[in-house]
Protein backbone atom coordinates (compact mmCIF):
# COMPACT_ATOMS: atom_id res chain seq x y z
CA MET A 1 -41.63 -102.78 24.43
CA GLU A 2 -42.73 -100.01 22.06
CA GLN A 3 -39.82 -97.78 21.05
CA PRO A 4 -40.23 -94.03 21.68
CA GLU A 5 -40.09 -91.66 18.71
CA ASN A 6 -37.90 -89.10 20.56
CA PRO A 7 -34.21 -90.19 20.30
CA ALA A 8 -33.54 -88.72 23.76
CA GLU A 9 -36.03 -91.20 25.19
CA GLN A 10 -34.38 -94.22 23.58
CA PRO A 11 -33.45 -96.77 26.26
CA ILE A 12 -29.82 -97.35 27.21
CA VAL A 13 -30.92 -100.28 29.31
CA SER A 14 -34.43 -101.48 30.13
CA ASP A 15 -35.56 -104.49 32.14
CA ARG A 16 -37.98 -105.67 34.76
CA VAL A 17 -36.69 -105.27 38.33
CA ILE A 18 -38.01 -105.64 41.85
CA ILE A 19 -38.86 -102.41 43.70
CA ASN A 20 -40.41 -102.56 47.17
CA GLY A 21 -41.21 -106.25 46.65
CA SER A 22 -43.02 -105.71 43.33
CA GLU A 23 -41.79 -106.54 39.85
CA THR A 24 -41.92 -103.48 37.58
CA PRO A 25 -40.29 -102.14 34.38
CA LEU A 26 -37.27 -99.83 34.84
CA THR A 27 -35.56 -97.91 32.03
CA LEU A 28 -32.48 -95.70 31.77
CA THR A 29 -33.00 -93.44 28.76
CA ALA A 30 -30.48 -91.68 26.54
CA ASP A 31 -31.34 -88.32 28.13
CA GLY A 32 -30.48 -89.64 31.58
CA LYS A 33 -33.92 -90.43 32.98
CA LEU A 34 -34.55 -93.41 35.23
CA ARG A 35 -38.17 -94.24 34.52
CA MET A 36 -40.20 -96.74 36.54
CA ARG A 37 -43.78 -97.84 36.79
CA GLU A 38 -44.85 -98.36 40.35
CA ARG A 39 -48.13 -96.73 41.37
CA GLY A 40 -47.91 -94.53 38.30
CA GLN A 41 -45.09 -93.17 36.13
CA ARG A 42 -42.04 -91.94 38.09
CA CYS A 43 -38.57 -90.88 37.13
CA LEU A 44 -35.21 -89.70 38.40
CA THR A 45 -33.04 -87.29 36.42
CA VAL A 46 -29.51 -88.67 36.70
CA GLU A 47 -27.72 -85.40 35.95
CA LYS A 48 -29.69 -83.35 38.45
CA GLU A 49 -30.86 -85.75 41.15
CA VAL A 50 -28.58 -88.80 41.21
CA LEU A 51 -25.40 -88.45 43.27
CA GLY A 52 -24.07 -91.97 42.83
CA PHE A 53 -24.84 -95.62 43.43
CA VAL A 54 -23.48 -98.73 45.13
CA THR A 55 -24.04 -102.41 44.50
CA GLU A 56 -25.17 -104.29 47.60
CA GLY A 57 -25.30 -108.01 46.88
CA SER A 58 -28.05 -108.53 44.31
CA LYS A 59 -29.37 -104.97 44.72
CA ILE A 60 -28.39 -101.52 43.49
CA ARG A 61 -28.78 -98.55 45.80
CA ILE A 62 -29.12 -95.19 44.02
CA ARG A 63 -28.19 -92.24 46.23
CA ALA A 64 -30.14 -89.14 45.22
CA VAL A 65 -31.31 -85.71 46.31
CA VAL A 66 -34.93 -84.68 45.79
CA LYS A 67 -37.13 -81.85 46.91
CA GLY A 68 -38.74 -82.59 50.24
CA GLY A 69 -42.48 -82.72 50.78
CA GLY A 70 -43.40 -85.38 48.23
CA ALA A 71 -43.65 -89.12 48.35
CA GLY A 72 -41.45 -91.41 46.35
CA ILE A 73 -38.46 -90.63 44.22
CA CYS A 74 -39.75 -88.42 41.45
CA CYS A 75 -40.62 -85.24 43.35
CA VAL A 76 -40.66 -82.80 40.45
CA ALA A 77 -43.91 -81.26 41.61
CA SER A 78 -43.11 -81.29 45.31
CA LYS A 79 -41.90 -78.30 47.29
CA GLY A 80 -39.40 -77.81 50.08
CA ALA A 81 -35.70 -78.12 50.79
CA LEU A 82 -33.54 -80.74 49.14
CA VAL A 83 -33.32 -84.02 51.01
CA ARG A 84 -31.12 -87.07 50.52
CA LYS A 85 -33.05 -90.15 49.49
CA ASP A 86 -32.06 -93.67 48.48
CA PHE A 87 -33.79 -95.68 45.77
CA VAL A 88 -33.17 -99.45 45.83
CA PHE A 89 -33.98 -101.89 43.07
CA GLN A 90 -33.10 -105.54 42.44
CA PRO A 91 -32.43 -106.82 38.90
CA LEU A 92 -33.79 -110.32 38.22
CA SER A 93 -30.43 -111.84 37.24
CA ASN A 94 -26.69 -111.40 37.70
CA ASP A 95 -26.32 -110.48 34.03
CA SER A 96 -28.95 -107.76 34.46
CA LEU A 97 -27.25 -106.55 37.67
CA ASN A 98 -23.89 -106.26 35.89
CA LEU A 99 -25.46 -104.52 32.90
CA TRP A 100 -27.27 -101.98 35.08
CA SER A 101 -24.08 -101.25 37.06
CA GLN A 102 -22.07 -100.83 33.86
CA LYS A 103 -24.55 -98.53 32.12
CA LEU A 104 -25.18 -96.40 35.18
CA ARG A 105 -21.44 -95.96 35.71
CA GLN A 106 -20.86 -95.11 32.07
CA TYR A 107 -23.61 -92.53 32.07
CA ILE A 108 -22.48 -90.84 35.29
CA ASP A 109 -18.87 -90.82 34.09
CA SER A 110 -19.99 -89.22 30.81
CA LEU A 111 -21.20 -86.20 32.80
CA GLY A 112 -17.61 -85.17 33.58
CA ARG A 113 -18.08 -85.01 37.32
CA PRO A 114 -15.09 -84.57 39.64
CA LYS A 115 -13.87 -87.70 41.40
CA ARG A 116 -11.03 -86.32 43.53
CA LEU A 117 -11.24 -82.98 45.34
CA PHE A 118 -8.93 -81.03 47.63
CA VAL A 119 -11.08 -79.36 50.27
CA PHE A 120 -10.08 -76.31 52.34
CA VAL A 121 -12.08 -75.71 55.52
CA ASN A 122 -11.61 -72.40 57.34
CA PRO A 123 -12.65 -73.11 60.94
CA PHE A 124 -12.11 -69.49 62.02
CA GLY A 125 -14.11 -67.55 59.43
CA GLY A 126 -17.56 -65.98 59.86
CA LYS A 127 -19.50 -67.62 62.67
CA LYS A 128 -16.84 -70.36 62.92
CA SER A 129 -19.35 -72.82 61.50
CA ALA A 130 -17.30 -74.20 58.59
CA SER A 131 -16.27 -77.39 60.38
CA LYS A 132 -19.87 -78.21 61.28
CA ILE A 133 -21.04 -77.42 57.74
CA PHE A 134 -18.39 -79.78 56.42
CA VAL A 135 -19.51 -82.61 58.70
CA ASP A 136 -23.26 -82.05 58.25
CA HIS A 137 -23.46 -81.25 54.54
CA VAL A 138 -20.24 -81.43 52.57
CA LYS A 139 -18.82 -84.84 53.51
CA PRO A 140 -22.14 -86.77 53.39
CA LEU A 141 -22.99 -85.52 49.91
CA PHE A 142 -19.48 -86.15 48.57
CA ASP A 143 -19.59 -89.65 50.09
CA ASP A 144 -22.91 -90.33 48.36
CA ALA A 145 -21.40 -89.17 45.07
CA ASN A 146 -18.33 -91.42 45.54
CA VAL A 147 -16.05 -88.38 45.51
CA HIS A 148 -12.70 -88.87 47.23
CA ILE A 149 -11.75 -85.80 49.26
CA THR A 150 -8.50 -84.62 50.82
CA LEU A 151 -9.29 -82.32 53.75
CA HIS A 152 -7.08 -79.41 54.79
CA GLU A 153 -8.02 -77.02 57.60
CA THR A 154 -6.49 -73.56 57.35
CA GLN A 155 -4.70 -72.37 60.47
CA TYR A 156 -3.82 -68.73 59.71
CA GLN A 157 -4.26 -65.97 57.17
CA LEU A 158 -2.73 -66.80 53.76
CA HIS A 159 -2.41 -70.48 54.71
CA ALA A 160 -4.60 -71.51 51.77
CA LYS A 161 -2.49 -69.35 49.44
CA GLU A 162 0.67 -71.12 50.58
CA VAL A 163 -0.86 -74.55 50.05
CA ALA A 164 -2.33 -73.68 46.64
CA SER A 165 1.00 -72.33 45.43
CA SER A 166 2.70 -75.72 45.88
CA LEU A 167 -0.12 -78.29 45.74
CA ASP A 168 0.31 -81.28 43.39
CA LEU A 169 -2.67 -80.48 41.22
CA SER A 170 -2.33 -83.65 39.14
CA LYS A 171 -3.93 -85.57 42.02
CA TYR A 172 -7.21 -83.62 41.93
CA ASP A 173 -10.11 -82.68 39.69
CA GLY A 174 -10.85 -79.50 41.62
CA ILE A 175 -10.39 -77.43 44.76
CA VAL A 176 -13.22 -76.67 47.19
CA CYS A 177 -13.34 -73.82 49.72
CA VAL A 178 -15.68 -74.31 52.69
CA SER A 179 -15.44 -70.74 53.85
CA GLY A 180 -16.36 -67.19 52.97
CA ASP A 181 -14.81 -65.41 50.02
CA GLY A 182 -11.41 -65.01 51.67
CA ILE A 183 -10.12 -68.56 51.13
CA LEU A 184 -11.23 -68.49 47.49
CA VAL A 185 -9.24 -65.28 46.98
CA GLU A 186 -6.20 -66.87 48.61
CA VAL A 187 -6.44 -69.95 46.39
CA ILE A 188 -6.66 -67.83 43.21
CA ASN A 189 -3.65 -65.79 44.31
CA GLY A 190 -1.71 -68.95 45.18
CA LEU A 191 -2.41 -70.56 41.81
CA LEU A 192 -1.36 -67.43 39.93
CA GLU A 193 1.96 -67.23 41.77
CA ARG A 194 3.04 -70.69 40.60
CA GLU A 195 5.57 -71.22 37.83
CA ASP A 196 2.94 -73.39 36.09
CA TRP A 197 0.21 -70.77 36.61
CA GLU A 198 -1.19 -71.14 33.09
CA ALA A 199 -2.18 -74.75 33.78
CA ALA A 200 -2.88 -74.24 37.48
CA ILE A 201 -5.46 -71.48 37.04
CA LYS A 202 -7.55 -73.83 34.88
CA MET A 203 -8.21 -75.97 37.97
CA PRO A 204 -11.95 -75.61 38.75
CA ILE A 205 -12.73 -74.19 42.18
CA GLY A 206 -15.91 -74.65 44.17
CA VAL A 207 -17.20 -72.60 47.11
CA VAL A 208 -19.46 -73.73 49.96
CA PRO A 209 -20.86 -70.78 51.98
CA ALA A 210 -19.42 -70.78 55.50
CA GLY A 211 -18.26 -67.20 56.03
CA THR A 212 -19.55 -63.71 56.67
CA GLY A 213 -20.04 -62.47 53.12
CA ASN A 214 -20.31 -65.43 50.70
CA GLY A 215 -20.65 -63.04 47.77
CA MET A 216 -19.20 -65.36 45.12
CA VAL A 217 -21.32 -68.41 45.90
CA LYS A 218 -24.39 -66.20 46.31
CA SER A 219 -23.74 -64.79 42.83
CA LEU A 220 -23.35 -68.29 41.38
CA LEU A 221 -26.47 -69.80 42.94
CA ASP A 222 -28.64 -66.72 42.51
CA SER A 223 -27.89 -66.73 38.78
CA VAL A 224 -30.18 -69.76 38.46
CA GLY A 225 -32.56 -68.89 41.29
CA TYR A 226 -31.13 -71.32 43.86
CA PRO A 227 -31.03 -70.35 47.55
CA CYS A 228 -27.54 -69.73 48.92
CA THR A 229 -27.21 -72.89 51.02
CA ALA A 230 -24.40 -75.35 51.63
CA PRO A 231 -26.28 -78.32 50.05
CA ASN A 232 -26.97 -76.36 46.86
CA ALA A 233 -23.32 -75.34 46.67
CA VAL A 234 -22.09 -78.91 47.20
CA LEU A 235 -24.47 -80.24 44.54
CA THR A 236 -23.14 -77.62 42.14
CA ILE A 237 -19.63 -79.01 42.66
CA ILE A 238 -20.73 -82.64 42.36
CA ARG A 239 -22.52 -82.03 39.06
CA GLY A 240 -19.27 -80.67 37.65
CA HIS A 241 -20.49 -77.83 35.45
CA LYS A 242 -17.97 -75.04 35.04
CA ARG A 243 -17.86 -71.40 34.06
CA SER A 244 -15.01 -68.96 33.58
CA LEU A 245 -14.36 -66.01 35.88
CA ASP A 246 -12.66 -62.69 35.19
CA VAL A 247 -9.62 -61.93 37.34
CA ALA A 248 -8.49 -58.36 38.03
CA THR A 249 -4.82 -57.57 38.60
CA ILE A 250 -4.26 -54.75 41.09
CA LEU A 251 -0.83 -53.24 40.57
CA GLN A 252 1.17 -50.72 42.57
CA ARG A 253 4.78 -50.47 41.42
CA GLU A 254 5.96 -54.10 41.57
CA THR A 255 3.36 -55.28 44.06
CA LYS A 256 0.48 -57.31 42.64
CA PHE A 257 -2.76 -58.62 44.06
CA PHE A 258 -5.27 -60.67 42.14
CA SER A 259 -8.88 -59.77 42.86
CA ILE A 260 -12.03 -61.69 41.94
CA LEU A 261 -14.79 -60.00 43.93
CA MET A 262 -14.49 -56.26 44.51
CA LEU A 263 -12.45 -53.20 45.42
CA ALA A 264 -13.86 -50.42 47.61
CA TRP A 265 -12.69 -47.02 48.79
CA GLY A 266 -14.70 -44.56 50.85
CA LEU A 267 -18.00 -45.33 52.57
CA VAL A 268 -18.26 -49.04 51.65
CA ALA A 269 -14.66 -49.79 52.61
CA ASP A 270 -14.96 -47.84 55.86
CA ILE A 271 -18.10 -49.77 56.87
CA ASP A 272 -16.64 -53.12 55.85
CA ILE A 273 -13.33 -52.75 57.68
CA GLU A 274 -14.05 -50.39 60.61
CA SER A 275 -17.16 -52.33 61.68
CA GLU A 276 -14.83 -55.15 62.71
CA LYS A 277 -14.66 -53.46 66.11
CA TYR A 278 -18.30 -54.57 66.52
CA ARG A 279 -17.77 -58.13 65.28
CA TRP A 280 -19.43 -59.42 68.47
CA MET A 281 -22.72 -58.14 67.01
CA GLY A 282 -22.57 -60.60 64.12
CA SER A 283 -23.91 -59.49 60.74
CA ALA A 284 -25.83 -56.64 62.44
CA ARG A 285 -22.52 -54.81 62.81
CA ILE A 286 -22.71 -53.72 59.16
CA ASP A 287 -26.09 -52.01 59.55
CA PHE A 288 -25.18 -50.56 62.94
CA TYR A 289 -21.89 -49.06 61.85
CA GLY A 290 -23.27 -48.09 58.45
CA LEU A 291 -25.79 -45.82 60.17
CA GLN A 292 -22.98 -44.21 62.17
CA ARG A 293 -20.99 -43.53 59.03
CA ILE A 294 -24.01 -42.03 57.24
CA LEU A 295 -24.75 -39.72 60.18
CA HIS A 296 -21.10 -38.64 60.26
CA LEU A 297 -20.45 -38.82 56.54
CA ARG A 298 -16.95 -38.58 55.18
CA GLN A 299 -15.94 -37.44 51.75
CA TYR A 300 -12.56 -38.02 50.15
CA ASN A 301 -10.57 -36.01 47.68
CA GLY A 302 -9.10 -37.97 44.82
CA CYS A 303 -9.50 -38.99 41.22
CA VAL A 304 -10.53 -42.10 39.28
CA SER A 305 -9.60 -42.84 35.68
CA PHE A 306 -10.97 -45.67 33.57
CA VAL A 307 -11.31 -47.26 30.16
CA PRO A 308 -15.07 -47.47 29.63
CA ALA A 309 -16.82 -50.46 28.10
CA PRO A 310 -18.69 -49.86 24.83
CA GLY A 311 -21.80 -47.81 25.55
CA PHE A 312 -20.26 -45.98 28.51
CA GLU A 313 -17.91 -43.62 26.65
CA THR A 314 -19.78 -40.46 27.72
CA TYR A 315 -18.99 -40.84 31.41
CA GLY A 316 -16.23 -38.59 32.78
CA GLU A 317 -13.83 -36.39 30.84
CA PRO A 318 -11.16 -37.46 28.33
CA THR A 319 -7.67 -37.97 29.73
CA SER A 320 -4.41 -39.71 28.92
CA TYR A 321 -3.15 -42.92 30.55
CA PRO A 322 -2.61 -41.78 34.15
CA ASN A 323 -0.35 -44.48 35.52
CA LYS A 324 3.04 -44.10 33.86
CA SER A 325 4.39 -43.81 37.38
CA THR A 326 2.85 -45.99 40.06
CA GLY A 327 3.77 -43.67 42.92
CA LYS A 328 6.49 -42.96 45.44
CA PRO A 329 8.81 -45.72 46.67
CA ASP A 330 7.77 -47.61 49.76
CA SER A 331 10.77 -49.39 51.20
CA CYS A 332 8.69 -50.60 54.15
CA ASN A 333 6.27 -52.53 51.96
CA PRO A 334 6.28 -56.01 53.57
CA SER A 335 5.31 -57.77 50.34
CA GLU A 336 8.07 -56.32 48.14
CA GLU A 337 10.32 -59.39 48.30
CA GLU A 338 7.38 -61.66 47.56
CA SER A 339 6.19 -59.45 44.72
CA ILE A 340 9.57 -59.69 42.99
CA LYS A 341 9.15 -63.46 43.03
CA VAL A 342 5.70 -63.04 41.49
CA ARG A 343 7.14 -60.83 38.77
CA HIS A 344 9.67 -63.46 37.72
CA HIS A 345 7.72 -66.67 38.22
CA GLY A 346 3.99 -65.98 38.31
CA TYR A 347 1.23 -64.47 36.27
CA GLN A 348 2.11 -60.94 35.20
CA GLY A 349 -1.37 -59.57 34.59
CA PRO A 350 -3.36 -59.15 31.37
CA ASN A 351 -1.49 -58.35 28.18
CA ILE A 352 -3.18 -55.01 27.45
CA ASP A 353 -1.65 -51.91 25.88
CA LEU A 354 -3.15 -49.53 28.43
CA GLU A 355 -1.34 -46.41 27.16
CA ASN A 356 -3.11 -46.51 23.82
CA LEU A 357 -6.65 -46.99 25.13
CA GLU A 358 -9.27 -44.25 25.44
CA TRP A 359 -9.17 -43.13 29.06
CA ARG A 360 -11.78 -41.03 30.92
CA THR A 361 -11.54 -39.43 34.36
CA ILE A 362 -13.84 -38.31 37.18
CA SER A 363 -12.61 -36.09 40.01
CA GLY A 364 -13.83 -36.05 43.60
CA PRO A 365 -14.73 -35.41 46.28
CA PHE A 366 -16.18 -38.93 46.60
CA VAL A 367 -18.45 -40.53 49.16
CA SER A 368 -17.73 -43.98 47.77
CA VAL A 369 -15.95 -45.73 44.90
CA TRP A 370 -16.79 -49.38 44.41
CA LEU A 371 -15.63 -51.85 41.74
CA HIS A 372 -17.38 -55.20 41.40
CA ASN A 373 -16.62 -58.35 39.43
CA VAL A 374 -19.80 -60.31 40.30
CA PRO A 375 -23.32 -59.16 41.24
CA TRP A 376 -23.40 -59.92 44.97
CA GLY A 377 -20.94 -58.50 47.49
CA SER A 378 -22.46 -60.62 50.24
CA GLU A 379 -25.62 -62.66 50.71
CA GLY A 380 -27.59 -59.47 51.40
CA THR A 381 -25.83 -56.98 49.13
CA LEU A 382 -26.63 -56.90 45.41
CA ALA A 383 -23.87 -54.42 44.71
CA ALA A 384 -23.66 -54.63 40.91
CA PRO A 385 -26.85 -56.10 39.42
CA ASP A 386 -25.51 -55.96 35.85
CA ALA A 387 -22.17 -57.62 36.60
CA LYS A 388 -21.21 -60.76 34.66
CA PHE A 389 -18.74 -63.47 35.59
CA SER A 390 -16.66 -63.34 32.43
CA ASP A 391 -17.53 -60.31 30.30
CA GLY A 392 -14.05 -58.81 30.65
CA TYR A 393 -15.30 -55.76 32.57
CA LEU A 394 -15.65 -54.54 36.13
CA ASP A 395 -18.79 -52.71 37.26
CA LEU A 396 -17.94 -49.30 38.72
CA ILE A 397 -20.31 -47.72 41.25
CA ILE A 398 -19.47 -44.10 42.17
CA MET A 399 -21.14 -41.80 44.65
CA ARG A 400 -19.84 -38.23 44.84
CA ASP A 401 -22.50 -36.39 46.81
CA CYS A 402 -25.72 -37.44 48.46
CA PRO A 403 -27.98 -35.96 51.19
CA GLN A 404 -28.14 -38.09 54.32
CA LEU A 405 -31.81 -39.08 54.00
CA ALA A 406 -31.33 -40.05 50.37
CA LEU A 407 -28.21 -41.97 51.32
CA MET A 408 -30.10 -44.01 53.93
CA SER A 409 -32.68 -44.94 51.30
CA LEU A 410 -29.95 -45.68 48.82
CA MET A 411 -28.12 -48.03 51.22
CA THR A 412 -31.39 -49.88 51.83
CA GLY A 413 -31.53 -50.43 48.08
CA LEU A 414 -28.38 -52.54 48.28
CA ASN A 415 -30.60 -55.50 49.17
CA ASP A 416 -32.14 -55.61 45.68
CA GLY A 417 -29.73 -53.58 43.55
CA SER A 418 -32.07 -50.60 43.20
CA HIS A 419 -29.37 -48.25 44.54
CA VAL A 420 -27.78 -48.09 41.08
CA LYS A 421 -30.91 -46.28 39.78
CA SER A 422 -30.39 -43.39 42.20
CA PRO A 423 -29.54 -40.01 40.63
CA HIS A 424 -26.74 -39.80 43.19
CA VAL A 425 -25.03 -42.94 41.80
CA THR A 426 -22.93 -43.29 38.66
CA TYR A 427 -22.92 -46.90 37.42
CA LEU A 428 -20.86 -48.07 34.44
CA LYS A 429 -18.59 -50.85 33.18
CA VAL A 430 -14.83 -50.46 32.76
CA LYS A 431 -11.98 -52.48 31.26
CA ALA A 432 -9.18 -50.84 33.24
CA PHE A 433 -9.11 -48.47 36.19
CA VAL A 434 -6.71 -46.21 38.10
CA LEU A 435 -7.48 -44.96 41.60
CA GLU A 436 -5.69 -41.93 43.03
CA PRO A 437 -6.94 -41.79 46.64
CA GLY A 438 -6.71 -38.62 48.67
CA PRO A 439 -7.43 -37.39 52.21
CA GLN A 440 -10.77 -36.63 53.83
CA THR A 441 -12.20 -33.28 52.80
CA LYS A 442 -13.05 -32.13 56.33
CA GLU A 443 -9.96 -33.60 58.02
CA PRO A 444 -7.07 -33.37 55.54
CA THR A 445 -4.67 -35.02 57.98
CA LYS A 446 -6.71 -38.23 57.77
CA GLU A 447 -6.85 -40.54 54.77
CA GLY A 448 -8.92 -43.63 53.98
CA ILE A 449 -8.92 -47.41 53.60
CA ILE A 450 -8.78 -49.40 50.36
CA ASP A 451 -10.53 -52.74 50.67
CA SER A 452 -10.16 -55.58 48.17
CA ASP A 453 -12.22 -58.76 48.44
CA GLY A 454 -13.00 -58.06 52.09
CA GLU A 455 -9.40 -57.53 53.20
CA VAL A 456 -7.44 -54.33 53.74
CA LEU A 457 -5.27 -53.55 50.75
CA ALA A 458 -4.04 -50.18 52.07
CA ARG A 459 -4.53 -48.02 55.18
CA GLY A 460 -3.96 -44.27 55.01
CA LYS A 461 -2.90 -41.94 57.80
CA GLY A 462 -5.25 -41.66 60.76
CA THR A 463 -7.38 -44.65 59.77
CA TYR A 464 -8.64 -47.56 61.87
CA LYS A 465 -5.62 -49.68 62.89
CA CYS A 466 -3.38 -47.55 60.68
CA ASP A 467 -0.36 -48.97 62.50
CA GLN A 468 -1.06 -52.29 60.74
CA LYS A 469 0.31 -51.84 57.23
CA GLY A 470 -1.51 -53.38 54.29
CA PRO A 471 0.23 -55.05 51.34
CA MET A 472 0.04 -51.77 49.39
CA ALA A 473 0.52 -48.09 50.19
CA TYR A 474 -2.36 -45.60 50.29
CA ASP A 475 -1.39 -44.28 46.89
CA LYS A 476 -2.16 -44.57 43.21
CA LEU A 477 -2.98 -48.10 42.04
CA GLN A 478 -4.04 -49.65 38.76
CA ILE A 479 -6.51 -52.41 37.91
CA ALA A 480 -6.83 -54.34 34.65
CA VAL A 481 -9.11 -57.28 33.84
CA HIS A 482 -8.23 -60.63 32.27
CA GLN A 483 -11.41 -62.06 30.81
CA GLY A 484 -12.32 -65.59 31.92
CA LEU A 485 -8.93 -66.41 33.44
CA ALA A 486 -10.12 -68.58 36.35
CA THR A 487 -12.63 -71.45 36.44
CA LEU A 488 -15.44 -72.08 38.94
CA PHE A 489 -17.79 -74.97 39.52
CA SER A 490 -21.13 -73.48 38.55
CA PRO A 491 -24.81 -74.48 38.57
CA LEU A 492 -24.97 -73.51 34.88
């Protein structure tokens, strides 16, 4: 056989095999292409399309995923959703069979794919579809890829955090969350509260969309133009590529919370949390309640201070480090005992000399203050179009005043990120941030809600379910970013 000039096309193994009853040449090339000649040139890309293989007697069955709508295995030009497809060939001898099995295994192993995964499934989140998604999409694809999985269904809030904080990580190559963003947040917090947090937080984490928001997995898949679907998310995990993720430490006195998605105060937080009373409406509750809040708009007194990223130094007014005191004591804080344990045994937050940085400040009243770590807040909300996974900054979106008609148009722009171009929006990047929340301007006896990663961080006086205390008080809090601290399975 004539040798190709391109080194990437050099054969690892090449032989004649039987495919569909016909003898034909088959080659595995150095760049991971399975090339065959049967009714024309065809190929499979091992890295992208091959999940795994099994030997069945004298035959080898390749388990793959290809785009639907085309005939055969090599469907590069075909269109449609991904479909599972098997490709079977029969080497002409036992020696050839063994050689093919050996070389295929060596090549797949060289890709660094995970072999053992711990999988959380949240059967109660979103539309309560996680268990079905696991059965229909997650388990079949992992089985095809010869990935051993340990399944754990969460039973209550913070269950995943408890498990992650004590899990024997040496048994696994990664953790998978079949859920919305909430279980991922719990896992990150659990890993960072361990005594061995420095090693634990390096464990790659994958997310399969099965919740209400799915902002993290949407951000991951959208970064390469993939639809936000469970199969695409599972394939991302199987292929084993990784990327780092910034982690923000939210601090109030000794209480810490580790955030990876967003923090909101004002309009966005009110819609996110208060619309829960209309959960029976499904995802339409956000639009329905959002309209109510726009028609009866609230503004909040308060102040935000921040360390701007390079290029954003002109925003706000100069100020000194505003958080030398983190606020009044709160002896009723239910997480105080736990937070002391975190202080002594877990991750302490980024090692940044905040007092000697150049701080800026913006005073209210505010309609909304929104910090984002990744572009998408949910599958339909491109909150921070310029956000990066590991640039060491949070994207800050501020709205101080906006007419109602303009606000309706602006909220519509959340679907494509165009809201940040509004003259009523201030959009910048920050390294550190201090929020000093205040009461509503028109009803000073009522305060607001602080929402982090879709959960209530603090409830002020007179707010929705204000009798249910959050882990922090409605008071001054500080956020600082640790660049690239966590690791995610990524399509890149």
